[in-house]
Amino acid sequence: MTGDLAIELAGFEEMARQLEGWVLRFNPEPLTPGPPWDYEARARKLALQSRALVDLGTGGGEVLSRVLDEVGCSAFAVEEWRVNAPVAARRLGSLAPVVRASSLRLPFRDRGFDLVLSRHEAIDPAEVARVLAAGGRCLTQQVIPDYMDELRHVFPEMVRYPDHFTGYQEGFRDAGLHIDDARIHRMRVEFRELGHLVYHLVAVPGMIPGFGVDSHIEGLRELDRQMREGRKLEFTAGYYILEVSRGA
């Protein structure tokens, strides 16, 4: 570490590296209204109508455990990351066995689920269609491709999320599924402290390859300088939601 700023931010980096599950300690504060939909509420409503569901990229099982509360359907959870899979297994217990596998190649039989859920997890529409039963549905919420793109001026290596909003719809249609809902929502958010942003960039994998305080201290110093001049850590965030169905 070099300099007081690096020392100050090191604690936030360490907290993020110890993260298990998917409950972030520091999140950006919304400056404009959030999405007009409620993914979790919709997922629960669909679960109540289902006999069997699978949740792709369940993380630590936080959302799925709430969706399944007092819901009687059979459920499975898929989580590929070795850190989160055991966390999800402990949280979900008998609610849903956790299968460690890629969401793009599912180890399940054809037409085995009435509902496929995916919150911020990459999907393959053809693979979703393969495991979806007659009359079944898929609900997915994904991050917009230009999420926090304003950071690119200090971190030019920042990864752009794939723009699958159109591509997923085309894939679902090609697989014989019907698009019931397709909406995008962008919003403005703010990090009140630079340390909170550091935590977010470390905790959310893949936003900036190899991100760390040491390796990216120059960009962090530039952001710190801008904040001292009165510029805020405001960014564009947002999500899109897709709900699709297979005919009976």
Protein backbone atom coordinates (compact mmCIF):
# COMPACT_ATOMS: atom_id res chain seq x y z
CA MET A 1 0.00 0.00 0.00
CA THR A 2 1.16 3.50 -0.69
CA GLY A 3 -0.34 6.62 0.78
CA ASP A 4 -3.11 7.34 3.26
CA LEU A 5 -5.95 6.82 0.74
CA ALA A 6 -4.82 3.27 0.01
CA ILE A 7 -4.67 2.49 3.72
CA GLU A 8 -8.10 4.02 4.26
CA LEU A 9 -9.66 1.94 1.47
CA ALA A 10 -7.92 -1.33 2.31
CA GLY A 11 -10.47 -2.22 4.99
CA PHE A 12 -13.37 -1.99 2.53
CA GLU A 13 -11.51 -4.25 0.09
CA GLU A 14 -10.87 -6.81 2.81
CA MET A 15 -14.54 -6.84 3.87
CA ALA A 16 -15.60 -7.49 0.28
CA ARG A 17 -13.13 -10.33 -0.15
CA GLN A 18 -14.62 -12.07 2.88
CA LEU A 19 -18.13 -11.94 1.42
CA GLU A 20 -20.07 -15.20 1.46
CA GLY A 21 -23.54 -15.43 -0.03
CA TRP A 22 -25.03 -12.43 -1.77
CA VAL A 23 -25.94 -9.84 0.85
CA LEU A 24 -23.76 -6.79 0.21
CA ARG A 25 -22.87 -4.64 3.19
CA PHE A 26 -22.66 -1.46 1.11
CA ASN A 27 -25.00 -0.69 -1.77
CA PRO A 28 -25.47 2.51 -3.77
CA GLU A 29 -28.32 4.74 -2.67
CA PRO A 30 -31.09 5.30 -5.23
CA LEU A 31 -31.54 8.86 -6.46
CA THR A 32 -34.43 8.09 -8.82
CA PRO A 33 -37.24 5.50 -8.58
CA GLY A 34 -36.39 1.85 -8.90
CA PRO A 35 -37.95 -0.64 -11.33
CA PRO A 36 -41.75 -0.62 -11.60
CA TRP A 37 -41.77 -4.38 -11.12
CA ASP A 38 -41.00 -6.52 -8.06
CA TYR A 39 -38.99 -9.53 -9.16
CA GLU A 40 -39.24 -11.31 -5.83
CA ALA A 41 -43.00 -10.84 -5.52
CA ARG A 42 -43.57 -12.06 -9.07
CA ALA A 43 -41.30 -15.07 -8.54
CA ARG A 44 -43.25 -16.00 -5.41
CA LYS A 45 -46.59 -15.71 -7.22
CA LEU A 46 -45.34 -17.97 -10.01
CA ALA A 47 -43.89 -20.42 -7.47
CA LEU A 48 -47.29 -20.73 -5.83
CA GLN A 49 -48.68 -21.84 -9.19
CA SER A 50 -45.88 -24.38 -9.83
CA ARG A 51 -45.24 -28.00 -8.95
CA ALA A 52 -41.47 -27.86 -9.54
CA LEU A 53 -39.02 -24.98 -10.02
CA VAL A 54 -35.30 -24.35 -10.40
CA ASP A 55 -33.41 -21.19 -9.45
CA LEU A 56 -30.31 -20.50 -11.55
CA GLY A 57 -27.36 -18.73 -9.94
CA THR A 58 -28.99 -18.78 -6.52
CA GLY A 59 -25.99 -17.11 -4.82
CA GLY A 60 -26.33 -17.79 -1.12
CA GLY A 61 -29.98 -18.73 -1.56
CA GLU A 62 -31.13 -15.46 -0.01
CA VAL A 63 -33.85 -14.60 -2.52
CA LEU A 64 -34.98 -18.17 -3.15
CA SER A 65 -35.44 -18.83 0.57
CA ARG A 66 -37.88 -15.92 0.75
CA VAL A 67 -39.66 -16.95 -2.44
CA LEU A 68 -40.17 -20.47 -1.11
CA ASP A 69 -41.39 -19.45 2.34
CA GLU A 70 -44.62 -21.42 2.84
CA VAL A 71 -44.63 -22.45 -0.83
CA GLY A 72 -45.20 -26.14 -1.26
CA CYS A 73 -43.65 -26.87 -4.66
CA SER A 74 -40.57 -28.99 -5.27
CA ALA A 75 -37.48 -26.84 -5.86
CA PHE A 76 -33.84 -27.06 -6.89
CA ALA A 77 -31.15 -24.38 -6.76
CA VAL A 78 -28.13 -24.13 -9.08
CA GLU A 79 -24.95 -22.36 -8.00
CA GLU A 80 -21.59 -22.78 -9.73
CA TRP A 81 -19.31 -20.71 -7.48
CA ARG A 82 -17.61 -22.93 -4.88
CA VAL A 83 -17.80 -20.21 -2.21
CA ASN A 84 -21.55 -19.66 -2.45
CA ALA A 85 -22.77 -23.21 -3.12
CA PRO A 86 -22.26 -24.40 0.49
CA VAL A 87 -23.69 -21.13 1.83
CA ALA A 88 -26.82 -21.70 -0.23
CA ALA A 89 -27.02 -25.33 0.90
CA ARG A 90 -26.95 -24.27 4.56
CA ARG A 91 -29.55 -21.54 4.09
CA LEU A 92 -31.97 -23.52 1.93
CA GLY A 93 -31.69 -26.76 3.87
CA SER A 94 -34.61 -29.01 2.96
CA LEU A 95 -36.33 -26.27 0.92
CA ALA A 96 -34.21 -26.88 -2.17
CA PRO A 97 -31.22 -29.14 -2.87
CA VAL A 98 -28.30 -27.10 -4.24
CA VAL A 99 -26.67 -28.44 -7.39
CA ARG A 100 -23.22 -27.09 -8.23
CA ALA A 101 -23.35 -26.64 -11.99
CA SER A 102 -23.28 -24.05 -14.74
CA SER A 103 -26.58 -22.35 -15.50
CA LEU A 104 -25.70 -22.70 -19.19
CA ARG A 105 -25.59 -26.50 -19.05
CA LEU A 106 -28.20 -27.80 -16.65
CA PRO A 107 -27.98 -31.36 -15.28
CA PHE A 108 -31.74 -31.90 -15.39
CA ARG A 109 -34.05 -33.92 -17.59
CA ASP A 110 -36.12 -32.37 -20.38
CA ARG A 111 -39.42 -30.68 -19.48
CA GLY A 112 -38.88 -31.20 -15.74
CA PHE A 113 -39.80 -27.76 -14.33
CA ASP A 114 -42.89 -25.57 -14.35
CA LEU A 115 -40.80 -22.52 -13.44
CA VAL A 116 -37.22 -21.41 -14.13
CA LEU A 117 -35.94 -18.42 -12.15
CA SER A 118 -32.77 -16.44 -12.82
CA ARG A 119 -31.89 -13.24 -11.01
CA HIS A 120 -28.72 -11.68 -12.44
CA GLU A 121 -27.43 -15.03 -13.71
CA ALA A 122 -26.48 -15.66 -17.34
CA ILE A 123 -28.85 -18.02 -19.12
CA ASP A 124 -29.09 -19.97 -22.35
CA PRO A 125 -32.65 -19.60 -23.70
CA ALA A 126 -32.44 -22.94 -25.50
CA GLU A 127 -31.36 -24.70 -22.30
CA VAL A 128 -34.13 -23.00 -20.32
CA ALA A 129 -36.64 -24.13 -22.95
CA ARG A 130 -35.29 -27.69 -22.77
CA VAL A 131 -36.07 -28.07 -19.05
CA LEU A 132 -39.35 -26.12 -19.13
CA ALA A 133 -42.52 -28.20 -19.02
CA ALA A 134 -45.67 -27.57 -21.02
CA GLY A 135 -47.42 -24.52 -19.61
CA GLY A 136 -44.25 -23.54 -17.74
CA ARG A 137 -42.70 -20.10 -17.30
CA CYS A 138 -39.27 -18.50 -16.97
CA LEU A 139 -38.71 -15.26 -15.07
CA THR A 140 -35.33 -13.53 -15.29
CA GLN A 141 -34.02 -10.16 -14.16
CA GLN A 142 -30.68 -9.01 -15.56
CA VAL A 143 -28.36 -6.01 -15.24
CA ILE A 144 -28.30 -3.40 -18.04
CA PRO A 145 -25.17 -3.49 -20.24
CA ASP A 146 -24.13 0.08 -19.37
CA TYR A 147 -24.31 -0.45 -15.60
CA MET A 148 -22.15 2.23 -13.91
CA ASP A 149 -20.55 3.00 -17.25
CA GLU A 150 -19.47 6.44 -15.97
CA LEU A 151 -16.53 4.72 -14.27
CA ARG A 152 -14.97 3.91 -17.62
CA HIS A 153 -13.18 7.28 -17.77
CA VAL A 154 -10.95 6.25 -14.85
CA PHE A 155 -11.06 2.47 -15.33
CA PRO A 156 -11.00 1.99 -19.13
CA GLU A 157 -10.64 -1.79 -18.74
CA MET A 158 -14.10 -1.96 -17.18
CA VAL A 159 -16.17 -4.81 -18.64
CA ARG A 160 -19.42 -4.01 -20.40
CA TYR A 161 -22.22 -6.40 -19.48
CA PRO A 162 -23.57 -8.33 -22.48
CA ASP A 163 -26.62 -6.70 -24.08
CA HIS A 164 -28.85 -9.77 -24.03
CA PHE A 165 -32.19 -7.98 -23.77
CA THR A 166 -32.94 -8.53 -27.46
CA GLY A 167 -30.82 -11.64 -27.86
CA TYR A 168 -32.53 -13.54 -25.06
CA GLN A 169 -35.93 -12.71 -26.53
CA GLU A 170 -34.86 -13.96 -29.94
CA GLY A 171 -33.46 -17.13 -28.35
CA PHE A 172 -36.66 -17.79 -26.45
CA ARG A 173 -38.77 -17.29 -29.58
CA ASP A 174 -36.49 -19.60 -31.57
CA ALA A 175 -37.00 -22.21 -28.85
CA GLY A 176 -40.79 -21.96 -29.19
CA LEU A 177 -41.51 -19.83 -26.11
CA HIS A 178 -43.75 -16.77 -25.89
CA ILE A 179 -42.56 -13.39 -24.54
CA ASP A 180 -45.07 -12.23 -21.92
CA ASP A 181 -43.13 -9.33 -20.41
CA ALA A 182 -39.99 -7.47 -21.52
CA ARG A 183 -39.08 -4.19 -19.83
CA ILE A 184 -35.94 -2.14 -19.15
CA HIS A 185 -35.54 0.37 -16.33
CA ARG A 186 -32.62 2.74 -15.77
CA MET A 187 -32.07 4.70 -12.57
CA ARG A 188 -29.51 6.98 -10.94
CA VAL A 189 -27.63 5.86 -7.84
CA GLU A 190 -24.94 7.34 -5.61
CA PHE A 191 -22.17 6.03 -3.38
CA ARG A 192 -21.71 8.42 -0.47
CA GLU A 193 -18.18 7.20 0.28
CA LEU A 194 -15.34 6.05 -1.96
CA GLY A 195 -14.83 3.05 0.31
CA HIS A 196 -18.38 1.89 -0.41
CA LEU A 197 -17.62 1.99 -4.13
CA VAL A 198 -14.42 -0.01 -3.57
CA TYR A 199 -16.41 -2.62 -1.65
CA HIS A 200 -18.94 -2.86 -4.49
CA LEU A 201 -16.31 -3.23 -7.21
CA VAL A 202 -14.53 -5.99 -5.29
CA ALA A 203 -17.72 -7.80 -4.24
CA VAL A 204 -19.37 -7.81 -7.67
CA PRO A 205 -17.15 -10.07 -9.77
CA GLY A 206 -16.15 -9.15 -13.28
CA MET A 207 -17.00 -5.45 -13.36
CA ILE A 208 -13.33 -4.46 -13.49
CA PRO A 209 -10.95 -7.39 -14.07
CA GLY A 210 -8.50 -7.85 -11.22
CA PHE A 211 -9.83 -4.84 -9.34
CA GLY A 212 -8.12 -4.01 -6.08
CA VAL A 213 -6.94 -0.97 -4.17
CA ASP A 214 -3.25 -1.58 -4.96
CA SER A 215 -3.73 -2.32 -8.65
CA HIS A 216 -6.19 0.52 -9.27
CA ILE A 217 -4.98 3.17 -6.85
CA GLU A 218 -4.42 5.82 -9.56
CA GLY A 219 -8.02 5.68 -10.69
CA LEU A 220 -9.17 5.75 -7.08
CA ARG A 221 -7.00 8.78 -6.40
CA GLU A 222 -8.61 10.52 -9.37
CA LEU A 223 -12.09 9.78 -8.02
CA ASP A 224 -11.01 11.02 -4.60
CA ARG A 225 -9.72 14.24 -6.16
CA GLN A 226 -12.99 14.76 -8.02
CA MET A 227 -14.98 14.21 -4.83
CA ARG A 228 -12.89 16.80 -3.02
CA GLU A 229 -13.77 19.23 -5.81
CA GLY A 230 -17.47 18.58 -5.26
CA ARG A 231 -18.20 15.87 -7.83
CA LYS A 232 -20.40 13.06 -6.53
CA LEU A 233 -20.12 9.32 -7.12
CA GLU A 234 -23.32 9.16 -9.18
CA PHE A 235 -23.87 6.43 -11.72
CA THR A 236 -26.40 4.87 -14.05
CA ALA A 237 -27.80 1.59 -12.79
CA GLY A 238 -30.72 -0.47 -13.96
CA TYR A 239 -32.20 -3.81 -14.87
CA TYR A 240 -34.40 -5.54 -17.36
CA ILE A 241 -36.98 -8.21 -16.78
CA LEU A 242 -38.18 -10.96 -19.08
CA GLU A 243 -41.03 -13.37 -18.46
CA VAL A 244 -41.67 -16.09 -21.02
CA SER A 245 -43.96 -19.08 -21.24
CA ARG A 246 -44.45 -22.36 -23.06
CA GLY A 247 -47.88 -23.23 -24.35
CA ALA A 248 -49.78 -26.08 -22.75
